[in-house]
């Protein structure tokens, strides 16, 4: 059974930091690309950052320089380090692991940035 379990969300003040984790099971994690998405209330889900199976990364303009995506294939875990958080970063964050043939989602973790 495939599972992606996110953790690390919470409530922080503007300027704070959080690190999200996504632990995978039931897949050959090192063969999958991983994307972090977020969805704010009333808005469409948007991609935030991605990392290929080889470690190449891409970021949305809104998070460049503040967020860092990484992965530890031995631990079957992906990470999203989020620094200098802003109120507009408030959303449910989801991890997505995919290949050309398969696509799996986690359940999401809430991130709230508020003073």
PDB file of N, CA and C in Angstrom:
ATOM      1  N   UNK A   1       0.840  -1.193   0.000  1.00  0.00           N
ATOM      2  CA  UNK A   1       0.000   0.000   0.000  1.00  0.00           C
ATOM      3  C   UNK A   1       0.876   1.244   0.000  1.00  0.00           C
ATOM      4  N   UNK A   2       0.575   2.155  -0.904  1.00  0.00           N
ATOM      5  CA  UNK A   2       1.354   3.383  -1.016  1.00  0.00           C
ATOM      6  C   UNK A   2       0.829   4.413  -0.015  1.00  0.00           C
ATOM      7  N   UNK A   3       1.749   5.022   0.688  1.00  0.00           N
ATOM      8  CA  UNK A   3       1.379   6.112   1.595  1.00  0.00           C
ATOM      9  C   UNK A   3       2.389   7.234   1.504  1.00  0.00           C
ATOM     10  N   UNK A   4       1.881   8.446   1.516  1.00  0.00           N
ATOM     11  CA  UNK A   4       2.709   9.638   1.669  1.00  0.00           C
ATOM     12  C   UNK A   4       2.160  10.368   2.886  1.00  0.00           C
ATOM     13  N   UNK A   5       3.003  10.582   3.871  1.00  0.00           N
ATOM     14  CA  UNK A   5       2.551  11.197   5.114  1.00  0.00           C
ATOM     15  C   UNK A   5       3.335  12.471   5.356  1.00  0.00           C
ATOM     16  N   UNK A   6       2.613  13.589   5.316  1.00  0.00           N
ATOM     17  CA  UNK A   6       3.244  14.883   5.568  1.00  0.00           C
ATOM     18  C   UNK A   6       3.190  15.199   7.057  1.00  0.00           C
ATOM     19  N   UNK A   7       4.157  15.965   7.500  1.00  0.00           N
ATOM     20  CA  UNK A   7       4.168  16.467   8.868  1.00  0.00           C
ATOM     21  C   UNK A   7       4.980  17.750   8.906  1.00  0.00           C
ATOM     22  N   UNK A   8       4.916  18.435  10.040  1.00  0.00           N
ATOM     23  CA  UNK A   8       5.735  19.627  10.221  1.00  0.00           C
ATOM     24  C   UNK A   8       4.986  20.936  10.090  1.00  0.00           C
ATOM     25  N   UNK A   9       3.716  20.867   9.719  1.00  0.00           N
ATOM     26  CA  UNK A   9       2.945  22.096   9.634  1.00  0.00           C
ATOM     27  C   UNK A   9       2.659  22.663  11.010  1.00  0.00           C
ATOM     28  N   UNK A  10       2.107  23.862  11.027  1.00  0.00           N
ATOM     29  CA  UNK A  10       1.772  24.494  12.285  1.00  0.00           C
ATOM     30  C   UNK A  10       1.513  25.973  12.096  1.00  0.00           C
ATOM     31  N   UNK A  11       1.496  26.684  13.199  1.00  0.00           N
ATOM     32  CA  UNK A  11       1.248  28.125  13.193  1.00  0.00           C
ATOM     33  C   UNK A  11       2.523  28.861  13.580  1.00  0.00           C
ATOM     34  N   UNK A  12       2.872  29.847  12.781  1.00  0.00           N
ATOM     35  CA  UNK A  12       4.070  30.644  13.051  1.00  0.00           C
ATOM     36  C   UNK A  12       3.770  32.102  12.780  1.00  0.00           C
ATOM     37  N   UNK A  13       4.589  32.960  13.341  1.00  0.00           N
ATOM     38  CA  UNK A  13       4.487  34.382  13.061  1.00  0.00           C
ATOM     39  C   UNK A  13       5.216  34.712  11.764  1.00  0.00           C
ATOM     40  N   UNK A  14       4.867  35.804  11.130  1.00  0.00           N
ATOM     41  CA  UNK A  14       5.607  36.232   9.936  1.00  0.00           C
ATOM     42  C   UNK A  14       7.098  36.320  10.233  1.00  0.00           C
ATOM     43  N   UNK A  15       7.875  35.858   9.264  1.00  0.00           N
ATOM     44  CA  UNK A  15       9.321  35.807   9.444  1.00  0.00           C
ATOM     45  C   UNK A  15       9.822  34.511  10.034  1.00  0.00           C
ATOM     46  N   UNK A  16       8.917  33.678  10.489  1.00  0.00           N
ATOM     47  CA  UNK A  16       9.306  32.409  11.091  1.00  0.00           C
ATOM     48  C   UNK A  16       9.621  31.341  10.061  1.00  0.00           C
ATOM     49  N   UNK A  17       9.961  30.162  10.567  1.00  0.00           N
ATOM     50  CA  UNK A  17      10.364  29.041   9.716  1.00  0.00           C
ATOM     51  C   UNK A  17       9.634  27.770  10.118  1.00  0.00           C
ATOM     52  N   UNK A  18       9.442  26.920   9.151  1.00  0.00           N
ATOM     53  CA  UNK A  18       8.935  25.578   9.367  1.00  0.00           C
ATOM     54  C   UNK A  18       9.627  24.646   8.385  1.00  0.00           C
ATOM     55  N   UNK A  19       9.734  23.379   8.768  1.00  0.00           N
ATOM     56  CA  UNK A  19      10.215  22.369   7.838  1.00  0.00           C
ATOM     57  C   UNK A  19       9.170  21.277   7.710  1.00  0.00           C
ATOM     58  N   UNK A  20       8.674  21.118   6.512  1.00  0.00           N
ATOM     59  CA  UNK A  20       7.715  20.058   6.232  1.00  0.00           C
ATOM     60  C   UNK A  20       8.454  18.799   5.809  1.00  0.00           C
ATOM     61  N   UNK A  21       7.915  17.657   6.196  1.00  0.00           N
ATOM     62  CA  UNK A  21       8.447  16.367   5.789  1.00  0.00           C
ATOM     63  C   UNK A  21       7.357  15.570   5.099  1.00  0.00           C
ATOM     64  N   UNK A  22       7.779  14.727   4.184  1.00  0.00           N
ATOM     65  CA  UNK A  22       6.864  13.823   3.488  1.00  0.00           C
ATOM     66  C   UNK A  22       7.536  12.460   3.449  1.00  0.00           C
ATOM     67  N   UNK A  23       7.025  11.535   4.241  1.00  0.00           N
ATOM     68  CA  UNK A  23       7.590  10.193   4.312  1.00  0.00           C
ATOM     69  C   UNK A  23       6.791   9.268   3.404  1.00  0.00           C
ATOM     70  N   UNK A  24       7.493   8.610   2.515  1.00  0.00           N
ATOM     71  CA  UNK A  24       6.855   7.718   1.549  1.00  0.00           C
ATOM     72  C   UNK A  24       7.044   6.266   1.958  1.00  0.00           C
ATOM     73  N   UNK A  25       6.051   5.461   1.637  1.00  0.00           N
ATOM     74  CA  UNK A  25       6.164   4.018   1.813  1.00  0.00           C
ATOM     75  C   UNK A  25       5.412   3.341   0.676  1.00  0.00           C
ATOM     76  N   UNK A  26       5.875   2.156   0.320  1.00  0.00           N
ATOM     77  CA  UNK A  26       5.198   1.392  -0.731  1.00  0.00           C
ATOM     78  C   UNK A  26       5.587   1.753  -2.142  1.00  0.00           C
ATOM     79  N   UNK A  27       6.557   2.634  -2.297  1.00  0.00           N
ATOM     80  CA  UNK A  27       7.045   2.998  -3.626  1.00  0.00           C
ATOM     81  C   UNK A  27       8.565   2.992  -3.627  1.00  0.00           C
ATOM     82  N   UNK A  28       9.127   2.902  -4.819  1.00  0.00           N
ATOM     83  CA  UNK A  28      10.586   3.057  -4.982  1.00  0.00           C
ATOM     84  C   UNK A  28      10.864   4.552  -5.028  1.00  0.00           C
ATOM     85  N   UNK A  29      10.936   5.145  -3.849  1.00  0.00           N
ATOM     86  CA  UNK A  29      10.964   6.607  -3.714  1.00  0.00           C
ATOM     87  C   UNK A  29      12.046   7.248  -4.583  1.00  0.00           C
ATOM     88  N   UNK A  30      13.187   6.601  -4.695  1.00  0.00           N
ATOM     89  CA  UNK A  30      14.290   7.223  -5.431  1.00  0.00           C
ATOM     90  C   UNK A  30      14.009   7.332  -6.933  1.00  0.00           C
ATOM     91  N   UNK A  31      12.966   6.685  -7.413  1.00  0.00           N
ATOM     92  CA  UNK A  31      12.619   6.769  -8.826  1.00  0.00           C
ATOM     93  C   UNK A  31      11.555   7.830  -9.112  1.00  0.00           C
ATOM     94  N   UNK A  32      11.067   8.476  -8.049  1.00  0.00           N
ATOM     95  CA  UNK A  32       9.963   9.414  -8.194  1.00  0.00           C
ATOM     96  C   UNK A  32      10.440  10.853  -8.088  1.00  0.00           C
ATOM     97  N   UNK A  33       9.863  11.704  -8.908  1.00  0.00           N
ATOM     98  CA  UNK A  33       9.974  13.132  -8.667  1.00  0.00           C
ATOM     99  C   UNK A  33       9.009  13.487  -7.539  1.00  0.00           C
ATOM    100  N   UNK A  34       9.276  14.587  -6.895  1.00  0.00           N
ATOM    101  CA  UNK A  34       8.409  15.038  -5.816  1.00  0.00           C
ATOM    102  C   UNK A  34       8.094  16.513  -5.993  1.00  0.00           C
ATOM    103  N   UNK A  35       6.851  16.832  -5.771  1.00  0.00           N
ATOM    104  CA  UNK A  35       6.403  18.214  -5.867  1.00  0.00           C
ATOM    105  C   UNK A  35       5.657  18.566  -4.585  1.00  0.00           C
ATOM    106  N   UNK A  36       5.921  19.733  -4.055  1.00  0.00           N
ATOM    107  CA  UNK A  36       5.123  20.281  -2.963  1.00  0.00           C
ATOM    108  C   UNK A  36       4.131  21.263  -3.584  1.00  0.00           C
ATOM    109  N   UNK A  37       2.864  21.078  -3.230  1.00  0.00           N
ATOM    110  CA  UNK A  37       1.794  21.973  -3.635  1.00  0.00           C
ATOM    111  C   UNK A  37       1.217  22.636  -2.380  1.00  0.00           C
ATOM    112  N   UNK A  38       0.489  23.688  -2.614  1.00  0.00           N
ATOM    113  CA  UNK A  38      -0.282  24.277  -1.535  1.00  0.00           C
ATOM    114  C   UNK A  38      -1.619  24.765  -2.069  1.00  0.00           C
ATOM    115  N   UNK A  39      -2.575  24.816  -1.148  1.00  0.00           N
ATOM    116  CA  UNK A  39      -3.905  25.298  -1.508  1.00  0.00           C
ATOM    117  C   UNK A  39      -4.448  26.140  -0.368  1.00  0.00           C
ATOM    118  N   UNK A  40      -4.672  27.396  -0.669  1.00  0.00           N
ATOM    119  CA  UNK A  40      -5.258  28.315   0.297  1.00  0.00           C
ATOM    120  C   UNK A  40      -6.784  28.279   0.135  1.00  0.00           C
ATOM    121  N   UNK A  41      -7.513  28.653   1.170  1.00  0.00           N
ATOM    122  CA  UNK A  41      -8.986  28.641   1.082  1.00  0.00           C
ATOM    123  C   UNK A  41      -9.493  29.458  -0.102  1.00  0.00           C
ATOM    124  N   UNK A  42     -10.363  28.852  -0.894  1.00  0.00           N
ATOM    125  CA  UNK A  42     -10.957  29.546  -2.023  1.00  0.00           C
ATOM    126  C   UNK A  42     -10.052  29.704  -3.224  1.00  0.00           C
ATOM    127  N   UNK A  43      -8.863  29.100  -3.169  1.00  0.00           N
ATOM    128  CA  UNK A  43      -7.919  29.240  -4.281  1.00  0.00           C
ATOM    129  C   UNK A  43      -7.578  27.880  -4.869  1.00  0.00           C
ATOM    130  N   UNK A  44      -7.036  27.914  -6.061  1.00  0.00           N
ATOM    131  CA  UNK A  44      -6.613  26.676  -6.707  1.00  0.00           C
ATOM    132  C   UNK A  44      -5.318  26.175  -6.092  1.00  0.00           C
ATOM    133  N   UNK A  45      -5.141  24.869  -6.187  1.00  0.00           N
ATOM    134  CA  UNK A  45      -3.884  24.287  -5.735  1.00  0.00           C
ATOM    135  C   UNK A  45      -2.772  24.742  -6.672  1.00  0.00           C
ATOM    136  N   UNK A  46      -1.640  25.114  -6.085  1.00  0.00           N
ATOM    137  CA  UNK A  46      -0.516  25.593  -6.891  1.00  0.00           C
ATOM    138  C   UNK A  46       0.755  24.855  -6.482  1.00  0.00           C
ATOM    139  N   UNK A  47       1.629  24.658  -7.449  1.00  0.00           N
ATOM    140  CA  UNK A  47       2.904  24.032  -7.145  1.00  0.00           C
ATOM    141  C   UNK A  47       3.835  25.060  -6.531  1.00  0.00           C
ATOM    142  N   UNK A  48       4.581  24.614  -5.563  1.00  0.00           N
ATOM    143  CA  UNK A  48       5.491  25.489  -4.825  1.00  0.00           C
ATOM    144  C   UNK A  48       6.935  25.184  -5.184  1.00  0.00           C
ATOM    145  N   UNK A  49       7.276  23.909  -5.180  1.00  0.00           N
ATOM    146  CA  UNK A  49       8.652  23.503  -5.445  1.00  0.00           C
ATOM    147  C   UNK A  49       8.647  22.060  -5.903  1.00  0.00           C
ATOM    148  N   UNK A  50       9.621  21.721  -6.722  1.00  0.00           N
ATOM    149  CA  UNK A  50       9.729  20.351  -7.210  1.00  0.00           C
ATOM    150  C   UNK A  50      11.174  19.911  -7.196  1.00  0.00           C
ATOM    151  N   UNK A  51      11.362  18.600  -7.118  1.00  0.00           N
ATOM    152  CA  UNK A  51      12.691  18.019  -7.165  1.00  0.00           C
ATOM    153  C   UNK A  51      12.600  16.718  -7.949  1.00  0.00           C
ATOM    154  N   UNK A  52      13.487  16.549  -8.910  1.00  0.00           N
ATOM    155  CA  UNK A  52      13.462  15.334  -9.712  1.00  0.00           C
ATOM    156  C   UNK A  52      14.137  14.199  -8.945  1.00  0.00           C
ATOM    157  N   UNK A  53      14.066  13.010  -9.528  1.00  0.00           N
ATOM    158  CA  UNK A  53      14.723  11.866  -8.906  1.00  0.00           C
ATOM    159  C   UNK A  53      16.234  12.060  -8.868  1.00  0.00           C
ATOM    160  N   UNK A  54      16.740  12.936  -9.716  1.00  0.00           N
ATOM    161  CA  UNK A  54      18.173  13.203  -9.754  1.00  0.00           C
ATOM    162  C   UNK A  54      18.576  14.391  -8.896  1.00  0.00           C
ATOM    163  N   UNK A  55      17.571  15.089  -8.334  1.00  0.00           N
ATOM    164  CA  UNK A  55      17.882  16.183  -7.425  1.00  0.00           C
ATOM    165  C   UNK A  55      17.796  17.574  -8.022  1.00  0.00           C
ATOM    166  N   UNK A  56      17.361  17.688  -9.264  1.00  0.00           N
ATOM    167  CA  UNK A  56      17.191  19.011  -9.863  1.00  0.00           C
ATOM    168  C   UNK A  56      15.945  19.676  -9.283  1.00  0.00           C
ATOM    169  N   UNK A  57      16.043  20.951  -8.990  1.00  0.00           N
ATOM    170  CA  UNK A  57      14.954  21.640  -8.291  1.00  0.00           C
ATOM    171  C   UNK A  57      14.401  22.810  -9.103  1.00  0.00           C
ATOM    172  N   UNK A  58      13.143  23.108  -8.830  1.00  0.00           N
ATOM    173  CA  UNK A  58      12.478  24.279  -9.394  1.00  0.00           C
ATOM    174  C   UNK A  58      11.596  24.881  -8.325  1.00  0.00           C
ATOM    175  N   UNK A  59      11.420  26.205  -8.389  1.00  0.00           N
ATOM    176  CA  UNK A  59      10.611  26.890  -7.386  1.00  0.00           C
ATOM    177  C   UNK A  59       9.650  27.875  -8.051  1.00  0.00           C
ATOM    178  N   UNK A  60       8.505  28.042  -7.418  1.00  0.00           N
ATOM    179  CA  UNK A  60       7.621  29.117  -7.823  1.00  0.00           C
ATOM    180  C   UNK A  60       8.282  30.446  -7.481  1.00  0.00           C
ATOM    181  N   UNK A  61       8.019  31.457  -8.291  1.00  0.00           N
ATOM    182  CA  UNK A  61       8.631  32.760  -8.053  1.00  0.00           C
ATOM    183  C   UNK A  61       8.310  33.296  -6.661  1.00  0.00           C
ATOM    184  N   UNK A  62       7.135  32.974  -6.176  1.00  0.00           N
ATOM    185  CA  UNK A  62       6.684  33.513  -4.891  1.00  0.00           C
ATOM    186  C   UNK A  62       7.476  32.982  -3.696  1.00  0.00           C
ATOM    187  N   UNK A  63       8.207  31.884  -3.888  1.00  0.00           N
ATOM    188  CA  UNK A  63       8.937  31.293  -2.758  1.00  0.00           C
ATOM    189  C   UNK A  63      10.441  31.227  -2.990  1.00  0.00           C
ATOM    190  N   UNK A  64      10.899  31.638  -4.162  1.00  0.00           N
ATOM    191  CA  UNK A  64      12.333  31.583  -4.453  1.00  0.00           C
ATOM    192  C   UNK A  64      13.119  32.381  -3.427  1.00  0.00           C
ATOM    193  N   UNK A  65      14.188  31.766  -2.965  1.00  0.00           N
ATOM    194  CA  UNK A  65      15.030  32.427  -1.983  1.00  0.00           C
ATOM    195  C   UNK A  65      14.563  32.245  -0.548  1.00  0.00           C
ATOM    196  N   UNK A  66      13.350  31.710  -0.369  1.00  0.00           N
ATOM    197  CA  UNK A  66      12.823  31.499   0.982  1.00  0.00           C
ATOM    198  C   UNK A  66      12.594  30.017   1.287  1.00  0.00           C
ATOM    199  N   UNK A  67      12.207  29.254   0.292  1.00  0.00           N
ATOM    200  CA  UNK A  67      11.910  27.828   0.469  1.00  0.00           C
ATOM    201  C   UNK A  67      13.019  26.992  -0.182  1.00  0.00           C
ATOM    202  N   UNK A  68      13.287  25.850   0.418  1.00  0.00           N
ATOM    203  CA  UNK A  68      14.245  24.905  -0.139  1.00  0.00           C
ATOM    204  C   UNK A  68      13.655  23.505  -0.102  1.00  0.00           C
ATOM    205  N   UNK A  69      13.620  22.871  -1.259  1.00  0.00           N
ATOM    206  CA  UNK A  69      13.144  21.495  -1.337  1.00  0.00           C
ATOM    207  C   UNK A  69      14.352  20.573  -1.359  1.00  0.00           C
ATOM    208  N   UNK A  70      14.215  19.425  -0.698  1.00  0.00           N
ATOM    209  CA  UNK A  70      15.312  18.459  -0.680  1.00  0.00           C
ATOM    210  C   UNK A  70      14.724  17.071  -0.476  1.00  0.00           C
ATOM    211  N   UNK A  71      15.585  16.079  -0.590  1.00  0.00           N
ATOM    212  CA  UNK A  71      15.136  14.707  -0.404  1.00  0.00           C
ATOM    213  C   UNK A  71      16.253  13.870   0.164  1.00  0.00           C
ATOM    214  N   UNK A  72      15.866  12.853   0.905  1.00  0.00           N
ATOM    215  CA  UNK A  72      16.797  11.872   1.433  1.00  0.00           C
ATOM    216  C   UNK A  72      16.257  10.515   0.996  1.00  0.00           C
ATOM    217  N   UNK A  73      16.806   9.989  -0.072  1.00  0.00           N
ATOM    218  CA  UNK A  73      16.265   8.744  -0.626  1.00  0.00           C
ATOM    219  C   UNK A  73      16.429   7.569   0.331  1.00  0.00           C
ATOM    220  N   UNK A  74      17.495   7.570   1.101  1.00  0.00           N
ATOM    221  CA  UNK A  74      17.692   6.477   2.057  1.00  0.00           C
ATOM    222  C   UNK A  74      16.591   6.454   3.114  1.00  0.00           C
ATOM    223  N   UNK A  75      16.083   7.631   3.462  1.00  0.00           N
ATOM    224  CA  UNK A  75      15.002   7.720   4.447  1.00  0.00           C
ATOM    225  C   UNK A  75      13.630   7.771   3.788  1.00  0.00           C
ATOM    226  N   UNK A  76      13.611   7.744   2.455  1.00  0.00           N
ATOM    227  CA  UNK A  76      12.362   7.821   1.694  1.00  0.00           C
ATOM    228  C   UNK A  76      11.545   9.032   2.137  1.00  0.00           C
ATOM    229  N   UNK A  77      12.223  10.129   2.273  1.00  0.00           N
ATOM    230  CA  UNK A  77      11.610  11.345   2.811  1.00  0.00           C
ATOM    231  C   UNK A  77      11.981  12.551   1.974  1.00  0.00           C
ATOM    232  N   UNK A  78      10.991  13.388   1.735  1.00  0.00           N
ATOM    233  CA  UNK A  78      11.222  14.670   1.108  1.00  0.00           C
ATOM    234  C   UNK A  78      10.946  15.777   2.107  1.00  0.00           C
ATOM    235  N   UNK A  79      11.567  16.934   1.858  1.00  0.00           N
ATOM    236  CA  UNK A  79      11.470  18.030   2.800  1.00  0.00           C
ATOM    237  C   UNK A  79      11.157  19.332   2.065  1.00  0.00           C
ATOM    238  N   UNK A  80      10.532  20.229   2.792  1.00  0.00           N
ATOM    239  CA  UNK A  80      10.375  21.595   2.314  1.00  0.00           C
ATOM    240  C   UNK A  80      10.718  22.507   3.484  1.00  0.00           C
ATOM    241  N   UNK A  81      11.895  23.107   3.403  1.00  0.00           N
ATOM    242  CA  UNK A  81      12.309  24.084   4.413  1.00  0.00           C
ATOM    243  C   UNK A  81      11.750  25.440   4.017  1.00  0.00           C
ATOM    244  N   UNK A  82      10.987  26.032   4.905  1.00  0.00           N
ATOM    245  CA  UNK A  82      10.324  27.298   4.611  1.00  0.00           C
ATOM    246  C   UNK A  82      10.805  28.351   5.598  1.00  0.00           C
ATOM    247  N   UNK A  83      11.481  29.355   5.069  1.00  0.00           N
ATOM    248  CA  UNK A  83      11.997  30.449   5.892  1.00  0.00           C
ATOM    249  C   UNK A  83      11.309  31.749   5.526  1.00  0.00           C
ATOM    250  N   UNK A  84      11.425  32.721   6.411  1.00  0.00           N
ATOM    251  CA  UNK A  84      10.849  34.048   6.180  1.00  0.00           C
ATOM    252  C   UNK A  84       9.388  33.925   5.723  1.00  0.00           C
ATOM    253  N   UNK A  85       8.632  33.179   6.469  1.00  0.00           N
ATOM    254  CA  UNK A  85       7.253  32.921   6.083  1.00  0.00           C
ATOM    255  C   UNK A  85       6.412  34.195   6.140  1.00  0.00           C
ATOM    256  N   UNK A  86       5.471  34.271   5.220  1.00  0.00           N
ATOM    257  CA  UNK A  86       4.592  35.432   5.080  1.00  0.00           C
ATOM    258  C   UNK A  86       3.138  34.975   5.253  1.00  0.00           C
ATOM    259  N   UNK A  87       2.255  35.881   5.602  1.00  0.00           N
ATOM    260  CA  UNK A  87       0.838  35.491   5.739  1.00  0.00           C
ATOM    261  C   UNK A  87       0.286  34.844   4.477  1.00  0.00           C
ATOM    262  N   UNK A  88       0.766  35.267   3.333  1.00  0.00           N
ATOM    263  CA  UNK A  88       0.266  34.692   2.080  1.00  0.00           C
ATOM    264  C   UNK A  88       0.755  33.268   1.843  1.00  0.00           C
ATOM    265  N   UNK A  89       1.633  32.771   2.674  1.00  0.00           N
ATOM    266  CA  UNK A  89       2.049  31.370   2.597  1.00  0.00           C
ATOM    267  C   UNK A  89       1.066  30.445   3.314  1.00  0.00           C
ATOM    268  N   UNK A  90       0.096  31.020   3.990  1.00  0.00           N
ATOM    269  CA  UNK A  90      -0.899  30.221   4.695  1.00  0.00           C
ATOM    270  C   UNK A  90      -1.684  29.350   3.720  1.00  0.00           C
ATOM    271  N   UNK A  91      -1.686  28.052   3.967  1.00  0.00           N
ATOM    272  CA  UNK A  91      -2.328  27.098   3.056  1.00  0.00           C
ATOM    273  C   UNK A  91      -2.184  25.699   3.634  1.00  0.00           C
ATOM    274  N   UNK A  92      -2.882  24.769   3.023  1.00  0.00           N
ATOM    275  CA  UNK A  92      -2.604  23.357   3.250  1.00  0.00           C
ATOM    276  C   UNK A  92      -1.550  22.945   2.230  1.00  0.00           C
ATOM    277  N   UNK A  93      -0.497  22.312   2.707  1.00  0.00           N
ATOM    278  CA  UNK A  93       0.616  21.893   1.861  1.00  0.00           C
ATOM    279  C   UNK A  93       0.535  20.382   1.639  1.00  0.00           C
ATOM    280  N   UNK A  94       0.690  20.000   0.379  1.00  0.00           N
ATOM    281  CA  UNK A  94       0.596  18.599  -0.013  1.00  0.00           C
ATOM    282  C   UNK A  94       1.884  18.168  -0.706  1.00  0.00           C
ATOM    283  N   UNK A  95       2.291  16.934  -0.455  1.00  0.00           N
ATOM    284  CA  UNK A  95       3.369  16.388  -1.266  1.00  0.00           C
ATOM    285  C   UNK A  95       2.781  15.435  -2.297  1.00  0.00           C
ATOM    286  N   UNK A  96       3.444  15.412  -3.416  1.00  0.00           N
ATOM    287  CA  UNK A  96       3.019  14.624  -4.570  1.00  0.00           C
ATOM    288  C   UNK A  96       4.246  13.924  -5.104  1.00  0.00           C
ATOM    289  N   UNK A  97       4.186  12.611  -5.209  1.00  0.00           N
ATOM    290  CA  UNK A  97       5.279  11.836  -5.790  1.00  0.00           C
ATOM    291  C   UNK A  97       4.789  11.213  -7.090  1.00  0.00           C
ATOM    292  N   UNK A  98       5.580  11.359  -8.111  1.00  0.00           N
ATOM    293  CA  UNK A  98       5.104  10.903  -9.410  1.00  0.00           C
ATOM    294  C   UNK A  98       6.216  10.419 -10.328  1.00  0.00           C
ATOM    295  N   UNK A  99       5.793   9.525 -11.227  1.00  0.00           N
ATOM    296  CA  UNK A  99       6.591   9.154 -12.373  1.00  0.00           C
ATOM    297  C   UNK A  99       5.699   9.405 -13.593  1.00  0.00           C
ATOM    298  N   UNK A 100       6.127   8.954 -14.750  1.00  0.00           N
ATOM    299  CA  UNK A 100       5.280   9.137 -15.931  1.00  0.00           C
ATOM    300  C   UNK A 100       4.044   8.253 -15.870  1.00  0.00           C
ATOM    301  N   UNK A 101       4.079   7.230 -15.018  1.00  0.00           N
ATOM    302  CA  UNK A 101       2.967   6.280 -14.975  1.00  0.00           C
ATOM    303  C   UNK A 101       2.173   6.327 -13.675  1.00  0.00           C
ATOM    304  N   UNK A 102       2.738   6.851 -12.616  1.00  0.00           N
ATOM    305  CA  UNK A 102       2.095   6.791 -11.310  1.00  0.00           C
ATOM    306  C   UNK A 102       2.143   8.148 -10.628  1.00  0.00           C
ATOM    307  N   UNK A 103       1.152   8.378  -9.789  1.00  0.00           N
ATOM    308  CA  UNK A 103       0.986   9.691  -9.184  1.00  0.00           C
ATOM    309  C   UNK A 103       0.307   9.500  -7.828  1.00  0.00           C
ATOM    310  N   UNK A 104       0.986   9.915  -6.768  1.00  0.00           N
ATOM    311  CA  UNK A 104       0.455   9.714  -5.429  1.00  0.00           C
ATOM    312  C   UNK A 104       0.490  11.014  -4.643  1.00  0.00           C
ATOM    313  N   UNK A 105      -0.506  11.160  -3.764  1.00  0.00           N
ATOM    314  CA  UNK A 105      -0.644  12.377  -2.965  1.00  0.00           C
ATOM    315  C   UNK A 105      -0.690  12.053  -1.478  1.00  0.00           C
ATOM    316  N   UNK A 106      -0.163  12.976  -0.686  1.00  0.00           N
ATOM    317  CA  UNK A 106      -0.340  12.902   0.748  1.00  0.00           C
ATOM    318  C   UNK A 106      -1.639  13.569   1.158  1.00  0.00           C
ATOM    319  N   UNK A 107      -1.891  13.549   2.468  1.00  0.00           N
ATOM    320  CA  UNK A 107      -3.163  14.052   2.982  1.00  0.00           C
ATOM    321  C   UNK A 107      -3.131  15.557   3.272  1.00  0.00           C
ATOM    322  N   UNK A 108      -1.945  16.129   3.285  1.00  0.00           N
ATOM    323  CA  UNK A 108      -1.812  17.557   3.519  1.00  0.00           C
ATOM    324  C   UNK A 108      -1.497  17.913   4.956  1.00  0.00           C
ATOM    325  N   UNK A 109      -0.834  19.039   5.122  1.00  0.00           N
ATOM    326  CA  UNK A 109      -0.531  19.571   6.447  1.00  0.00           C
ATOM    327  C   UNK A 109      -0.757  21.079   6.415  1.00  0.00           C
ATOM    328  N   UNK A 110      -1.395  21.582   7.459  1.00  0.00           N
ATOM    329  CA  UNK A 110      -1.774  22.995   7.492  1.00  0.00           C
ATOM    330  C   UNK A 110      -0.601  23.859   7.939  1.00  0.00           C
ATOM    331  N   UNK A 111      -0.384  24.924   7.214  1.00  0.00           N
ATOM    332  CA  UNK A 111       0.587  25.951   7.599  1.00  0.00           C
ATOM    333  C   UNK A 111      -0.164  27.267   7.730  1.00  0.00           C
ATOM    334  N   UNK A 112      -0.059  27.888   8.890  1.00  0.00           N
ATOM    335  CA  UNK A 112      -0.720  29.162   9.144  1.00  0.00           C
ATOM    336  C   UNK A 112       0.324  30.179   9.590  1.00  0.00           C
ATOM    337  N   UNK A 113       0.373  31.299   8.876  1.00  0.00           N
ATOM    338  CA  UNK A 113       1.318  32.359   9.195  1.00  0.00           C
ATOM    339  C   UNK A 113       0.517  33.593   9.586  1.00  0.00           C
ATOM    340  N   UNK A 114       0.617  33.951  10.841  1.00  0.00           N
ATOM    341  CA  UNK A 114      -0.202  35.046  11.350  1.00  0.00           C
ATOM    342  C   UNK A 114       0.457  35.653  12.572  1.00  0.00           C
ATOM    343  N   UNK A 115       0.279  36.952  12.718  1.00  0.00           N
ATOM    344  CA  UNK A 115       0.768  37.627  13.916  1.00  0.00           C
ATOM    345  C   UNK A 115      -0.321  37.689  14.985  1.00  0.00           C
TER     346      UNK A 115
END
